[in-house]
Protein backbone atom coordinates (compact mmCIF):
# COMPACT_ATOMS: atom_id res chain seq x y z
CA MET A 1 -0.22 0.20 -0.16
CA ARG A 2 1.22 3.38 -0.72
CA SER A 3 -0.64 5.24 1.15
CA LYS A 4 -3.33 5.62 3.87
CA LYS A 5 -5.99 6.66 1.42
CA GLU A 6 -5.13 3.86 -0.70
CA LEU A 7 -5.23 0.94 1.88
CA GLU A 8 -8.73 2.55 3.64
CA VAL A 9 -10.00 2.16 -0.27
CA GLU A 10 -8.98 -1.76 -0.35
CA LEU A 11 -10.58 -2.09 3.44
CA SER A 12 -13.67 -0.51 2.58
CA ARG A 13 -14.26 -3.44 -0.11
CA LEU A 14 -14.69 -5.95 2.51
CA ALA A 15 -17.40 -7.78 3.43
CA LEU A 16 -19.22 -6.69 6.62
CA PHE A 17 -21.45 -8.93 9.08
CA GLU A 18 -24.67 -10.56 7.72
CA ASN A 19 -26.42 -11.20 10.60
CA PRO A 20 -24.29 -8.89 13.67
CA SER A 21 -24.67 -10.24 17.14
CA LEU A 22 -26.10 -7.97 19.79
CA GLY A 23 -24.87 -10.37 22.83
CA LEU A 24 -21.09 -10.14 20.78
CA GLU A 25 -21.53 -6.42 20.17
CA GLN A 26 -20.50 -6.96 16.62
CA TYR A 27 -20.15 -3.46 15.13
CA PRO A 28 -17.81 -3.41 12.68
CA ILE A 29 -14.65 -1.02 12.45
CA SER A 30 -14.87 1.57 9.79
CA SER A 31 -12.18 1.34 6.83
CA SER A 32 -11.12 4.81 7.98
CA ILE A 33 -10.48 3.91 11.40
CA ALA A 34 -8.85 0.71 11.12
CA ALA A 35 -6.58 2.91 8.09
CA GLU A 36 -5.41 4.78 10.80
CA TRP A 37 -5.10 2.16 13.20
CA ILE A 38 -2.64 0.13 10.67
CA TRP A 39 -0.93 2.92 9.26
CA ASN A 40 0.51 3.91 12.81
CA MET A 41 1.22 0.43 13.44
CA ALA A 42 3.62 0.44 9.85
CA LEU A 43 5.19 3.88 10.50
CA ARG A 44 6.12 2.33 13.64
CA GLY A 45 7.59 -0.92 11.76
CA GLU A 46 5.03 -3.03 13.79
CA ALA A 47 3.12 -4.52 10.58
CA ALA A 48 5.96 -5.97 8.35
CA ASN A 49 7.34 -9.18 8.96
CA ARG A 50 5.34 -9.80 12.44
CA ILE A 51 3.44 -12.76 13.60
CA ILE A 52 -0.21 -11.07 14.72
CA LEU A 53 -3.46 -12.10 16.59
CA ASP A 54 -6.57 -10.59 15.52
CA ALA A 55 -8.46 -11.62 18.23
CA ALA A 56 -12.43 -10.71 18.30
CA CYS A 57 -11.87 -10.40 14.47
CA GLY A 58 -14.78 -10.04 13.36
CA THR A 59 -14.78 -9.85 9.79
CA GLY A 60 -10.64 -9.77 9.69
CA ILE A 61 -10.21 -5.87 8.46
CA ILE A 62 -7.37 -4.89 10.79
CA GLY A 63 -5.46 -8.34 10.56
CA ILE A 64 -6.31 -8.24 6.63
CA GLY A 65 -4.81 -4.92 6.39
CA LEU A 66 -1.61 -5.64 8.38
CA LEU A 67 -1.04 -8.59 5.79
CA LEU A 68 -1.49 -5.82 2.97
CA MET A 69 1.20 -3.93 5.04
CA GLY A 70 3.57 -7.10 5.00
CA ALA A 71 2.59 -8.72 8.24
CA LYS A 72 4.18 -12.27 8.78
CA LYS A 73 1.36 -14.10 9.66
CA VAL A 74 -1.85 -13.31 11.14
CA PHE A 75 -3.97 -15.51 13.65
CA PHE A 76 -7.89 -14.69 12.99
CA LEU A 77 -9.34 -15.54 16.27
CA ASP A 78 -13.47 -15.16 16.75
CA LYS A 79 -16.00 -17.34 18.85
CA ASP A 80 -18.49 -16.86 15.76
CA PRO A 81 -18.14 -19.15 12.96
CA ALA A 82 -20.12 -16.86 10.96
CA ALA A 83 -17.75 -14.11 11.38
CA ILE A 84 -14.63 -16.45 10.89
CA ILE A 85 -16.50 -17.53 7.25
CA THR A 86 -16.42 -13.64 6.34
CA ALA A 87 -13.06 -12.60 7.77
CA ARG A 88 -11.44 -16.20 5.56
CA LYS A 89 -13.75 -15.05 2.42
CA ASN A 90 -12.26 -11.17 3.02
CA TYR A 91 -8.89 -12.90 2.98
CA ASP A 92 -9.36 -14.61 -0.06
CA GLN A 93 -10.77 -11.83 -2.05
CA ILE A 94 -7.35 -9.63 -0.97
CA LYS A 95 -4.92 -12.71 -1.74
CA SER A 96 -6.54 -13.06 -5.47
CA ASP A 97 -5.40 -9.13 -5.98
CA TYR A 98 -2.06 -9.20 -3.51
CA GLU A 99 0.67 -10.88 -2.85
CA ILE A 100 -0.15 -11.41 1.35
CA LYS A 101 1.35 -14.06 3.34
CA GLU A 102 0.08 -16.67 6.13
CA ALA A 103 -3.69 -16.54 7.56
CA GLU A 104 -4.41 -18.85 10.14
CA PHE A 105 -8.43 -18.92 11.19
CA ILE A 106 -9.48 -20.14 14.39
CA ILE A 107 -13.21 -20.23 15.91
CA SER A 108 -12.61 -20.38 20.12
CA ASP A 109 -12.84 -18.40 22.84
CA ILE A 110 -10.08 -16.27 23.77
CA SER A 111 -9.08 -17.88 26.79
CA LEU A 112 -8.10 -21.18 24.54
CA PHE A 113 -5.39 -19.27 22.56
CA ASP A 114 -2.61 -20.47 23.54
CA ASP A 115 0.50 -19.26 20.92
CA ASN A 116 3.05 -16.81 21.74
CA VAL A 117 2.87 -13.60 18.79
CA ASP A 118 4.78 -10.37 18.38
CA ILE A 119 1.68 -8.33 18.97
CA VAL A 120 -1.90 -8.71 19.75
CA VAL A 121 -4.61 -6.43 17.72
CA GLN A 122 -8.44 -6.44 19.19
CA ASN A 123 -11.60 -4.71 19.41
CA PRO A 124 -13.14 -7.12 21.46
CA PRO A 125 -16.52 -6.45 22.93
CA PHE A 126 -17.12 -3.05 24.80
CA GLY A 127 -18.76 -4.60 27.87
CA THR A 128 -22.26 -3.05 27.20
CA LYS A 129 -24.36 -6.20 27.11
CA THR A 130 -21.60 -7.92 29.47
CA GLY A 131 -20.04 -6.05 32.26
CA HIS A 132 -15.89 -6.05 31.13
CA ALA A 133 -16.00 -8.72 28.50
CA ASP A 134 -13.16 -6.99 27.58
CA LYS A 135 -10.62 -7.84 30.20
CA LYS A 136 -10.27 -11.32 29.30
CA PHE A 137 -9.13 -10.36 25.92
CA LEU A 138 -6.84 -8.20 27.77
CA GLU A 139 -5.63 -10.57 30.08
CA LYS A 140 -5.12 -12.86 27.72
CA ALA A 141 -3.17 -10.65 25.06
CA PHE A 142 -0.56 -9.68 28.43
CA SER A 143 0.20 -13.81 28.48
CA CYS A 144 0.72 -14.13 24.78
CA ALA A 145 2.52 -10.44 23.25
CA ASP A 146 4.79 -7.67 24.61
CA ILE A 147 2.89 -5.31 22.21
CA ILE A 148 -0.65 -5.20 22.20
CA TYR A 149 -3.22 -2.72 20.33
CA SER A 150 -6.37 -2.75 22.25
CA MET A 151 -9.66 -0.86 21.34
CA HIS A 152 -12.07 0.49 24.45
CA LYS A 153 -15.14 2.64 25.33
CA TYR A 154 -12.95 5.62 26.05
CA SER A 155 -15.27 6.19 29.53
CA THR A 156 -13.07 2.75 30.60
CA LYS A 157 -9.94 4.42 30.45
CA ASN A 158 -9.31 4.00 34.29
CA PHE A 159 -10.14 0.29 34.11
CA VAL A 160 -7.54 0.21 31.24
CA GLU A 161 -4.99 1.88 32.90
CA THR A 162 -5.55 0.12 36.13
CA ILE A 163 -5.29 -3.39 34.48
CA VAL A 164 -2.57 -3.04 32.42
CA LYS A 165 -0.37 -1.40 35.64
CA ASP A 166 -1.42 -4.84 37.38
CA PHE A 167 -0.30 -6.68 34.66
CA GLY A 168 3.62 -5.12 34.30
CA PHE A 169 2.63 -3.15 31.11
CA LYS A 170 2.54 0.43 30.41
CA ILE A 171 0.34 2.47 27.81
CA THR A 172 2.58 4.32 25.65
CA HIS A 173 0.20 5.98 23.25
CA LEU A 174 -4.19 6.64 23.20
CA TRP A 175 -5.64 7.81 19.81
CA ARG A 176 -9.21 8.91 20.62
CA PHE A 177 -11.91 7.97 17.52
CA GLU A 178 -15.48 8.83 17.37
CA PHE A 179 -16.88 5.09 16.38
CA PRO A 180 -19.69 5.11 14.03
CA ILE A 181 -21.84 2.38 14.54
CA LYS A 182 -24.85 2.28 11.81
CA HIS A 183 -28.00 1.32 12.59
CA SER A 184 -28.15 -2.30 12.92
CA PHE A 185 -30.52 -3.47 15.57
CA LYS A 186 -34.32 -2.47 16.36
CA PHE A 187 -33.79 -0.38 19.43
CA HIS A 188 -31.14 1.98 17.42
CA THR A 189 -32.92 5.31 16.73
CA LYS A 190 -30.44 7.16 14.49
CA PRO A 191 -29.03 6.44 11.11
CA VAL A 192 -25.69 6.52 12.95
CA ASN A 193 -24.61 6.56 16.28
CA LEU A 194 -21.17 7.69 17.44
CA VAL A 195 -19.38 5.91 20.27
CA ASP A 196 -16.05 7.71 21.78
CA VAL A 197 -13.62 4.59 21.87
CA GLY A 198 -9.75 4.93 22.27
CA LEU A 199 -7.20 2.58 20.94
CA TRP A 200 -4.61 2.01 23.28
CA ARG A 201 -1.19 0.87 22.42
CA ILE A 202 0.59 -1.29 25.43
CA GLU A 203 3.87 -2.52 25.83
CA LYS A 204 5.46 -4.88 28.65
CA ILE A 205 7.66 -3.50 31.08
CA PRO A 206 11.49 -5.22 30.46
CA GLY A 207 12.52 -7.15 33.77
């Protein structure tokens, strides 16, 4: 990808959830936010030749974007079989147009993942339907990578800061976005709802 805009255009071509699950809080990341996230990683040298876990991958937009930026391998993990089917289709679509590297698709709860990776990227459930549903994603990420990019509601900032410190990690960067959630469920009253979210870059403290 020669530019962030070119990356955004490619990501915008990917399929979304056909029947999003309210319980799993399946809200797709916009291609503009995904491109910003991935481009920032690439600028830091944290995409090319890295082995990455895309946890709660959904339709695979972040992991696929990282493969487009030269990732060595991406594990796509989600507990929803339908999401993994869509992620695999998106991967196959991109692979037909670009030379991208290996992907592994895993239908599983995050707690069962047992590989070590260079980096974890994740957009876990925000915990709106199940309190602190994102907690176990952070705990697993701390056990299998030294660098983590994790997206959460900005209102949970204190929770994120506390758990990061408790596990011997530190926050190095925080990006803030207005996350657009399109009208997907009956209780949505607006065509698009904007949710205040943060993307935290977290790194293990040496020693």
